[in-house]
């Protein structure tokens, strides 16, 4: 009997030790990112700017972040999406060769990608049992890489939060218009949806399209439009739902520079099981200003993709919200005063996927949680 108890005790100790060492604590940024400069469909290869962390046998996500075609007319249709092209396409594959910056995949690429549309490779980090021991996040989108958190585990336990808040498309920077034409055409009231300088309107937020013209109230795909002269607010970034419209100028007299045309909110993006695309939250447009008392737009939210059999939440949060509007640069104390306020960042999505038997195939989503919608602040200053 004593020998039996000793054997059982030894077995239990072995199981406990194995369980302890099979768990991996994760936190911070776990993924590696590389911008794709060439997509070679015929040979099932891509050329990347940096191969660090992309070893043979590693599974990766290939995803196109931008590249949608948008309406360019100087009308309320500016920024409407006329063709998504490869934007939002994604799939998982496996590396079988990595030579001189050229990566070859094990499986044929399923979807179409245009390297000019911000295509990137992201490592799929795999674990038996992973424990989020401190906040887990993604590299912030920098214009070519980042904005996505990706992992796979048998069991994922959240002892802390997962957040990609504000890691998506970038909000427009505030630009002060202190030129002699700060009041557009001497009376204000600019109504253009796009323009080439800050004289008529503030910068647009970043989105899935390429506006061509960076200023004015027209949306930039899911990026918010900049507030038009004079002193109007920027539009909010968007994702599944449209972004909010910026605030008009108020408390003005008939003799002051007018501001009737705030930034338009980002366009609502199309999600369906048929197109199976995913997008980051759009950046907010900047507010128009000439007194250094306005604010830029806020960043949109990033993307979280989790593949696991069991998710133990422990009442922790997965946060893919966009950022709220920041305070005035240089003051760090207050929001927009006599100038226009920027638009908030568009929220993104957190997706939990079931495991796929084939690493190169797209997995089927089992749950999707939408983040909060964007909002914009209103300028109620009376100064010119």
Protein backbone atom coordinates (compact mmCIF):
# COMPACT_ATOMS: atom_id res chain seq x y z
CA UNK A 1 0.00 0.00 0.00
CA UNK A 2 2.83 2.38 0.90
CA UNK A 3 4.55 1.61 -2.40
CA UNK A 4 1.30 2.30 -4.29
CA UNK A 5 0.88 5.68 -2.53
CA UNK A 6 4.50 6.53 -3.34
CA UNK A 7 3.98 5.71 -7.03
CA UNK A 8 0.76 7.76 -7.17
CA UNK A 9 2.41 10.68 -5.39
CA UNK A 10 5.34 10.56 -7.80
CA UNK A 11 2.96 10.49 -10.77
CA UNK A 12 0.98 13.47 -9.48
CA UNK A 13 4.19 15.42 -8.86
CA UNK A 14 5.34 14.67 -12.41
CA UNK A 15 1.99 15.82 -13.82
CA UNK A 16 2.08 19.02 -11.77
CA UNK A 17 5.65 19.79 -12.84
CA UNK A 18 4.81 19.11 -16.50
CA UNK A 19 1.71 21.31 -16.27
CA UNK A 20 3.75 24.11 -14.68
CA UNK A 21 6.42 24.06 -17.38
CA UNK A 22 3.95 23.63 -20.26
CA UNK A 23 2.43 27.00 -19.40
CA UNK A 24 3.99 30.07 -20.99
CA UNK A 25 3.58 33.52 -19.52
CA UNK A 26 3.14 36.12 -22.26
CA UNK A 27 2.94 39.91 -22.20
CA UNK A 28 3.97 42.98 -24.18
CA UNK A 29 4.52 42.55 -27.93
CA UNK A 30 4.95 38.91 -28.96
CA UNK A 31 4.69 39.12 -32.76
CA UNK A 32 7.27 40.03 -35.41
CA UNK A 33 6.28 42.20 -38.38
CA UNK A 34 7.72 42.69 -41.85
CA UNK A 35 6.55 44.89 -44.72
CA UNK A 36 6.02 43.02 -48.00
CA UNK A 37 7.53 44.82 -50.98
CA UNK A 38 6.85 42.20 -53.70
CA UNK A 39 4.20 39.47 -54.02
CA UNK A 40 5.23 36.70 -56.46
CA UNK A 41 2.09 34.61 -56.98
CA UNK A 42 3.59 32.42 -59.69
CA UNK A 43 6.35 31.16 -57.40
CA UNK A 44 4.39 31.45 -54.13
CA UNK A 45 6.90 33.89 -52.64
CA UNK A 46 7.07 37.36 -51.13
CA UNK A 47 9.94 39.77 -50.66
CA UNK A 48 10.09 41.45 -47.27
CA UNK A 49 12.02 44.37 -45.84
CA UNK A 50 13.17 42.47 -42.72
CA UNK A 51 13.38 38.71 -42.14
CA UNK A 52 14.14 38.85 -38.42
CA UNK A 53 12.02 36.24 -36.62
CA UNK A 54 10.75 34.65 -39.85
CA UNK A 55 12.43 31.24 -39.72
CA UNK A 56 11.69 28.15 -41.80
CA UNK A 57 8.75 26.24 -40.34
CA UNK A 58 7.23 29.36 -38.82
CA UNK A 59 3.55 30.02 -39.52
CA UNK A 60 2.68 33.56 -40.55
CA UNK A 61 -0.27 35.77 -41.34
CA UNK A 62 -0.19 37.66 -44.62
CA UNK A 63 -2.58 40.60 -44.60
CA UNK A 64 -3.22 43.70 -46.71
CA UNK A 65 -4.00 46.78 -44.63
CA UNK A 66 -4.84 49.44 -47.24
CA UNK A 67 -5.16 49.90 -51.01
CA UNK A 68 -8.90 50.48 -51.44
CA UNK A 69 -10.03 52.76 -54.28
CA UNK A 70 -12.07 55.74 -53.10
CA UNK A 71 -14.16 58.44 -54.77
CA UNK A 72 -12.11 61.56 -55.54
CA UNK A 73 -14.83 64.04 -56.51
CA UNK A 74 -15.18 67.33 -54.63
CA UNK A 75 -18.61 66.29 -53.34
CA UNK A 76 -20.09 64.55 -50.32
CA UNK A 77 -19.12 61.26 -52.02
CA UNK A 78 -15.42 62.00 -51.56
CA UNK A 79 -13.83 59.10 -49.73
CA UNK A 80 -16.60 56.61 -50.49
CA UNK A 81 -15.11 53.18 -51.19
CA UNK A 82 -15.62 52.17 -54.83
CA UNK A 83 -13.42 49.04 -54.76
CA UNK A 84 -11.81 47.28 -51.81
CA UNK A 85 -9.27 45.53 -54.10
CA UNK A 86 -7.04 43.37 -51.89
CA UNK A 87 -7.55 45.52 -48.81
CA UNK A 88 -8.63 43.42 -45.83
CA UNK A 89 -7.56 40.11 -47.37
CA UNK A 90 -5.66 37.76 -45.07
CA UNK A 91 -4.64 34.14 -44.62
CA UNK A 92 -2.24 31.94 -42.66
CA UNK A 93 0.63 30.10 -44.31
CA UNK A 94 3.92 28.41 -43.42
CA UNK A 95 7.48 29.35 -44.37
CA UNK A 96 9.50 26.66 -46.17
CA UNK A 97 12.38 28.84 -47.37
CA UNK A 98 13.91 32.21 -46.45
CA UNK A 99 16.75 33.37 -48.66
CA UNK A 100 18.01 36.91 -49.08
CA UNK A 101 14.78 38.55 -48.00
CA UNK A 102 12.61 36.28 -50.19
CA UNK A 103 10.20 34.05 -48.27
CA UNK A 104 8.60 31.00 -49.89
CA UNK A 105 5.35 29.51 -48.60
CA UNK A 106 4.33 25.87 -48.17
CA UNK A 107 0.79 26.43 -49.44
CA UNK A 108 -0.39 28.30 -52.52
CA UNK A 109 -1.73 31.76 -51.74
CA UNK A 110 -5.52 31.74 -51.79
CA UNK A 111 -6.24 35.45 -52.04
CA UNK A 112 -5.06 38.48 -53.99
CA UNK A 113 -2.62 41.02 -52.55
CA UNK A 114 -1.14 44.27 -53.90
CA UNK A 115 2.18 45.12 -52.26
CA UNK A 116 1.48 48.83 -52.79
CA UNK A 117 -1.52 48.49 -50.46
CA UNK A 118 0.40 47.97 -47.24
CA UNK A 119 0.84 44.19 -47.19
CA UNK A 120 2.68 42.76 -44.18
CA UNK A 121 3.75 39.42 -42.72
CA UNK A 122 3.12 38.75 -39.03
CA UNK A 123 4.41 35.75 -37.10
CA UNK A 124 1.82 33.40 -35.60
CA UNK A 125 3.02 32.73 -32.06
CA UNK A 126 1.95 29.26 -30.90
CA UNK A 127 1.68 27.90 -27.37
CA UNK A 128 0.39 24.80 -25.61
CA UNK A 129 -1.07 26.74 -22.69
CA UNK A 130 -0.48 30.49 -22.53
CA UNK A 131 -1.13 32.82 -19.61
CA UNK A 132 -1.39 36.57 -20.13
CA UNK A 133 0.54 37.66 -17.03
CA UNK A 134 0.79 41.38 -17.88
CA UNK A 135 -0.90 43.51 -20.58
CA UNK A 136 -0.56 41.91 -24.01
CA UNK A 137 -0.51 44.19 -27.04
CA UNK A 138 0.64 44.73 -30.63
CA UNK A 139 3.15 47.02 -32.25
CA UNK A 140 1.39 50.25 -33.14
CA UNK A 141 0.70 50.70 -36.86
CA UNK A 142 3.51 52.87 -38.28
CA UNK A 143 2.36 53.18 -41.88
CA UNK A 144 3.83 49.88 -43.07
CA UNK A 145 3.69 47.33 -40.22
CA UNK A 146 1.92 46.67 -36.93
CA UNK A 147 -1.62 47.04 -35.70
CA UNK A 148 -2.34 43.29 -35.36
CA UNK A 149 -1.99 40.88 -32.43
CA UNK A 150 -2.01 37.21 -33.44
CA UNK A 151 -1.63 34.04 -31.37
CA UNK A 152 -2.65 30.38 -31.18
CA UNK A 153 -2.91 28.24 -28.05
CA UNK A 154 -4.64 25.15 -26.77
CA UNK A 155 -5.69 27.08 -23.66
CA UNK A 156 -5.38 30.84 -23.20
CA UNK A 157 -5.80 32.24 -19.69
CA UNK A 158 -6.23 35.96 -19.13
CA UNK A 159 -4.72 37.05 -15.84
CA UNK A 160 -4.37 40.49 -17.37
CA UNK A 161 -5.82 42.41 -20.29
CA UNK A 162 -5.27 42.21 -24.03
CA UNK A 163 -5.32 45.64 -25.63
CA UNK A 164 -4.71 47.06 -29.08
CA UNK A 165 -6.44 50.32 -28.22
CA UNK A 166 -5.17 53.08 -30.49
CA UNK A 167 -2.82 50.71 -32.37
CA UNK A 168 -4.66 51.08 -35.72
CA UNK A 169 -4.72 53.73 -38.42
CA UNK A 170 -3.18 57.01 -37.36
CA UNK A 171 -5.12 60.14 -36.53
CA UNK A 172 -4.26 63.33 -38.41
CA UNK A 173 -1.70 65.63 -36.83
CA UNK A 174 -2.85 69.11 -35.91
CA UNK A 175 -1.53 71.84 -38.23
CA UNK A 176 -1.93 75.45 -37.20
CA UNK A 177 -2.91 77.78 -40.04
CA UNK A 178 -1.21 81.02 -39.05
CA UNK A 179 -0.89 82.41 -42.56
CA UNK A 180 -2.52 85.62 -43.80
CA UNK A 181 -5.29 83.40 -45.21
CA UNK A 182 -6.24 81.86 -41.85
CA UNK A 183 -9.78 83.03 -42.53
CA UNK A 184 -10.55 81.41 -45.88
CA UNK A 185 -11.41 84.00 -48.54
CA UNK A 186 -11.50 86.58 -45.70
CA UNK A 187 -14.95 85.38 -44.60
CA UNK A 188 -14.39 81.69 -43.82
CA UNK A 189 -17.02 79.19 -44.74
CA UNK A 190 -14.83 76.80 -46.74
CA UNK A 191 -16.91 73.88 -48.02
CA UNK A 192 -14.38 71.86 -50.04
CA UNK A 193 -14.17 68.11 -49.49
CA UNK A 194 -10.52 68.13 -50.48
CA UNK A 195 -7.80 70.71 -50.91
CA UNK A 196 -4.03 70.77 -51.22
CA UNK A 197 -3.14 73.07 -48.29
CA UNK A 198 -4.24 73.71 -44.73
CA UNK A 199 -5.66 77.09 -45.79
CA UNK A 200 -9.06 75.61 -46.63
CA UNK A 201 -9.20 72.74 -44.15
CA UNK A 202 -7.38 70.50 -41.68
CA UNK A 203 -5.66 67.14 -42.44
CA UNK A 204 -7.65 63.93 -42.90
CA UNK A 205 -7.20 60.84 -40.73
CA UNK A 206 -5.56 57.70 -42.14
CA UNK A 207 -7.80 54.97 -43.54
CA UNK A 208 -7.89 52.06 -45.97
CA UNK A 209 -7.84 54.33 -49.03
CA UNK A 210 -5.42 56.88 -50.41
CA UNK A 211 -7.10 60.28 -50.50
CA UNK A 212 -4.52 61.89 -52.79
CA UNK A 213 -5.42 65.23 -51.20
CA UNK A 214 -4.67 65.27 -47.49
CA UNK A 215 -6.77 68.24 -46.40
CA UNK A 216 -10.47 69.09 -46.23
CA UNK A 217 -13.67 67.72 -44.77
CA UNK A 218 -14.11 64.69 -47.05
CA UNK A 219 -13.59 61.31 -45.41
CA UNK A 220 -10.59 59.14 -46.31
CA UNK A 221 -12.22 55.73 -46.60
CA UNK A 222 -12.64 54.90 -42.92
CA UNK A 223 -10.44 57.84 -41.91
CA UNK A 224 -12.23 60.96 -40.70
CA UNK A 225 -12.16 64.18 -42.72
CA UNK A 226 -10.40 67.31 -41.44
CA UNK A 227 -12.45 70.23 -40.25
CA UNK A 228 -12.87 72.94 -42.90
CA UNK A 229 -11.97 76.55 -42.28
CA UNK A 230 -12.89 78.11 -39.97
CA UNK A 231 -12.23 76.30 -36.66
CA UNK A 232 -14.52 73.30 -37.23
CA UNK A 233 -13.93 69.86 -35.75
CA UNK A 234 -12.48 66.79 -37.47
CA UNK A 235 -14.57 63.75 -38.35
CA UNK A 236 -14.30 60.54 -36.36
CA UNK A 237 -12.63 57.42 -37.71
CA UNK A 238 -14.77 54.38 -38.41
CA UNK A 239 -14.92 50.66 -38.96
CA UNK A 240 -18.13 48.61 -39.13
CA UNK A 241 -20.14 51.73 -38.29
CA UNK A 242 -19.66 55.22 -39.73
CA UNK A 243 -17.65 57.79 -37.78
CA UNK A 244 -19.20 60.84 -36.17
CA UNK A 245 -19.30 64.26 -37.85
CA UNK A 246 -17.10 67.00 -36.36
CA UNK A 247 -18.50 70.00 -34.51
CA UNK A 248 -19.41 73.26 -36.24
CA UNK A 249 -18.17 76.59 -35.01
CA UNK A 250 -20.55 78.23 -32.58
CA UNK A 251 -20.77 81.42 -30.49
CA UNK A 252 -19.76 83.47 -33.51
CA UNK A 253 -21.10 86.82 -34.67
CA UNK A 254 -22.06 87.77 -38.21
CA UNK A 255 -18.82 89.70 -38.62
CA UNK A 256 -16.57 86.80 -37.61
CA UNK A 257 -15.00 84.11 -39.78
CA UNK A 258 -17.59 81.38 -40.27
CA UNK A 259 -17.21 77.61 -39.97
CA UNK A 260 -20.21 75.69 -41.28
CA UNK A 261 -18.44 72.58 -42.67
CA UNK A 262 -16.88 70.18 -40.14
CA UNK A 263 -15.04 66.99 -41.04
CA UNK A 264 -17.11 64.06 -42.32
CA UNK A 265 -16.95 60.83 -40.33
CA UNK A 266 -15.22 57.81 -41.85
CA UNK A 267 -17.26 55.46 -44.03
CA UNK A 268 -18.83 52.27 -42.64
CA UNK A 269 -16.86 49.26 -43.89
CA UNK A 270 -18.35 46.09 -45.34
CA UNK A 271 -18.05 42.90 -43.30
CA UNK A 272 -19.55 39.60 -44.46
CA UNK A 273 -18.78 35.89 -44.43
CA UNK A 274 -18.58 36.12 -48.21
CA UNK A 275 -15.81 38.70 -48.48
CA UNK A 276 -14.09 37.64 -45.20
CA UNK A 277 -12.07 40.83 -44.81
CA UNK A 278 -10.80 42.54 -41.66
CA UNK A 279 -9.75 46.17 -41.15
CA UNK A 280 -8.14 48.37 -38.55
CA UNK A 281 -10.08 51.30 -37.09
CA UNK A 282 -9.74 54.58 -39.01
CA UNK A 283 -7.89 57.59 -37.68
CA UNK A 284 -9.77 60.75 -36.75
CA UNK A 285 -9.45 63.94 -38.78
CA UNK A 286 -7.79 67.01 -37.25
CA UNK A 287 -9.63 70.14 -36.19
CA UNK A 288 -9.08 73.38 -38.08
CA UNK A 289 -7.26 76.07 -36.11
CA UNK A 290 -5.15 79.18 -36.22
CA UNK A 291 -4.54 79.93 -32.53
CA UNK A 292 -2.60 76.77 -31.61
CA UNK A 293 -5.60 75.73 -29.51
CA UNK A 294 -6.93 72.89 -31.66
CA UNK A 295 -6.22 69.17 -31.58
CA UNK A 296 -5.31 66.45 -34.02
CA UNK A 297 -7.31 63.29 -34.66
CA UNK A 298 -6.96 60.16 -32.55
CA UNK A 299 -5.65 56.75 -33.64
CA UNK A 300 -8.03 53.93 -34.49
CA UNK A 301 -8.03 50.53 -32.83
CA UNK A 302 -5.93 47.56 -33.90
CA UNK A 303 -6.93 43.95 -34.64
CA UNK A 304 -6.83 40.99 -32.22
CA UNK A 305 -6.90 37.45 -33.65
CA UNK A 306 -6.91 34.57 -31.18
CA UNK A 307 -7.03 30.88 -32.14
CA UNK A 308 -7.61 28.58 -29.19
CA UNK A 309 -9.65 25.64 -27.94
CA UNK A 310 -10.28 27.14 -24.49
CA UNK A 311 -10.30 30.80 -23.46
CA UNK A 312 -10.39 31.49 -19.70
CA UNK A 313 -11.31 35.16 -19.41
CA UNK A 314 -11.22 35.75 -15.64
CA UNK A 315 -13.30 38.90 -16.25
CA UNK A 316 -10.37 40.53 -18.04
CA UNK A 317 -10.87 42.68 -21.14
CA UNK A 318 -9.89 42.42 -24.80
CA UNK A 319 -9.81 46.06 -25.86
CA UNK A 320 -9.73 47.10 -29.54
CA UNK A 321 -11.19 50.59 -29.10
CA UNK A 322 -10.00 53.68 -30.87
CA UNK A 323 -8.34 56.42 -28.86
CA UNK A 324 -10.25 59.47 -27.63
CA UNK A 325 -9.22 62.95 -28.74
CA UNK A 326 -5.94 64.09 -27.18
CA UNK A 327 -5.20 67.31 -25.35
CA UNK A 328 -3.58 70.36 -26.94
CA UNK A 329 0.03 69.68 -27.94
CA UNK A 330 2.42 71.62 -25.70
CA UNK A 331 -0.14 72.27 -22.96
CA UNK A 332 -1.04 68.71 -21.86
CA UNK A 333 -3.88 70.13 -19.85
CA UNK A 334 -6.97 70.68 -21.90
CA UNK A 335 -8.95 69.95 -24.97
CA UNK A 336 -9.55 72.26 -27.94
CA UNK A 337 -10.49 75.76 -26.95
CA UNK A 338 -10.99 78.50 -29.56
CA UNK A 339 -9.92 76.17 -32.41
CA UNK A 340 -11.42 72.97 -33.77
CA UNK A 341 -11.12 69.62 -32.00
CA UNK A 342 -9.91 66.46 -33.71
CA UNK A 343 -12.05 63.38 -34.27
CA UNK A 344 -11.84 60.22 -32.19
CA UNK A 345 -10.35 57.00 -33.55
CA UNK A 346 -12.55 54.24 -34.96
CA UNK A 347 -12.91 51.04 -32.97
CA UNK A 348 -11.76 47.71 -34.36
CA UNK A 349 -12.51 44.05 -33.71
CA UNK A 350 -11.41 41.19 -31.53
CA UNK A 351 -11.93 37.79 -33.13
CA UNK A 352 -11.66 34.36 -31.53
CA UNK A 353 -11.10 31.59 -34.09
CA UNK A 354 -11.40 27.85 -33.84
CA UNK A 355 -8.35 25.85 -34.87
CA UNK A 356 -7.90 24.99 -38.54
CA UNK A 357 -6.66 21.56 -39.57
CA UNK A 358 -4.72 23.11 -42.44
CA UNK A 359 -2.35 25.92 -41.44
CA UNK A 360 -2.59 27.56 -44.86
CA UNK A 361 -6.38 27.79 -44.85
CA UNK A 362 -8.47 30.52 -43.33
CA UNK A 363 -10.08 29.52 -40.05
CA UNK A 364 -13.77 30.06 -39.37
CA UNK A 365 -14.68 32.73 -36.83
CA UNK A 366 -16.67 31.58 -33.83
CA UNK A 367 -17.16 34.96 -32.15
CA UNK A 368 -16.52 38.61 -32.95
CA UNK A 369 -16.73 41.52 -30.52
CA UNK A 370 -17.06 44.99 -32.03
CA UNK A 371 -15.35 47.87 -30.28
CA UNK A 372 -16.85 51.23 -29.42
CA UNK A 373 -17.75 53.71 -32.15
CA UNK A 374 -15.76 56.87 -32.72
CA UNK A 375 -16.83 60.26 -31.45
CA UNK A 376 -15.75 63.81 -32.10
CA UNK A 377 -15.56 66.88 -29.93
CA UNK A 378 -17.17 70.19 -30.73
CA UNK A 379 -15.49 73.60 -30.95
CA UNK A 380 -17.50 76.26 -29.17
CA UNK A 381 -14.92 79.01 -29.05
CA UNK A 382 -15.73 82.52 -30.17
CA UNK A 383 -12.25 83.75 -31.06
CA UNK A 384 -10.96 84.02 -34.61
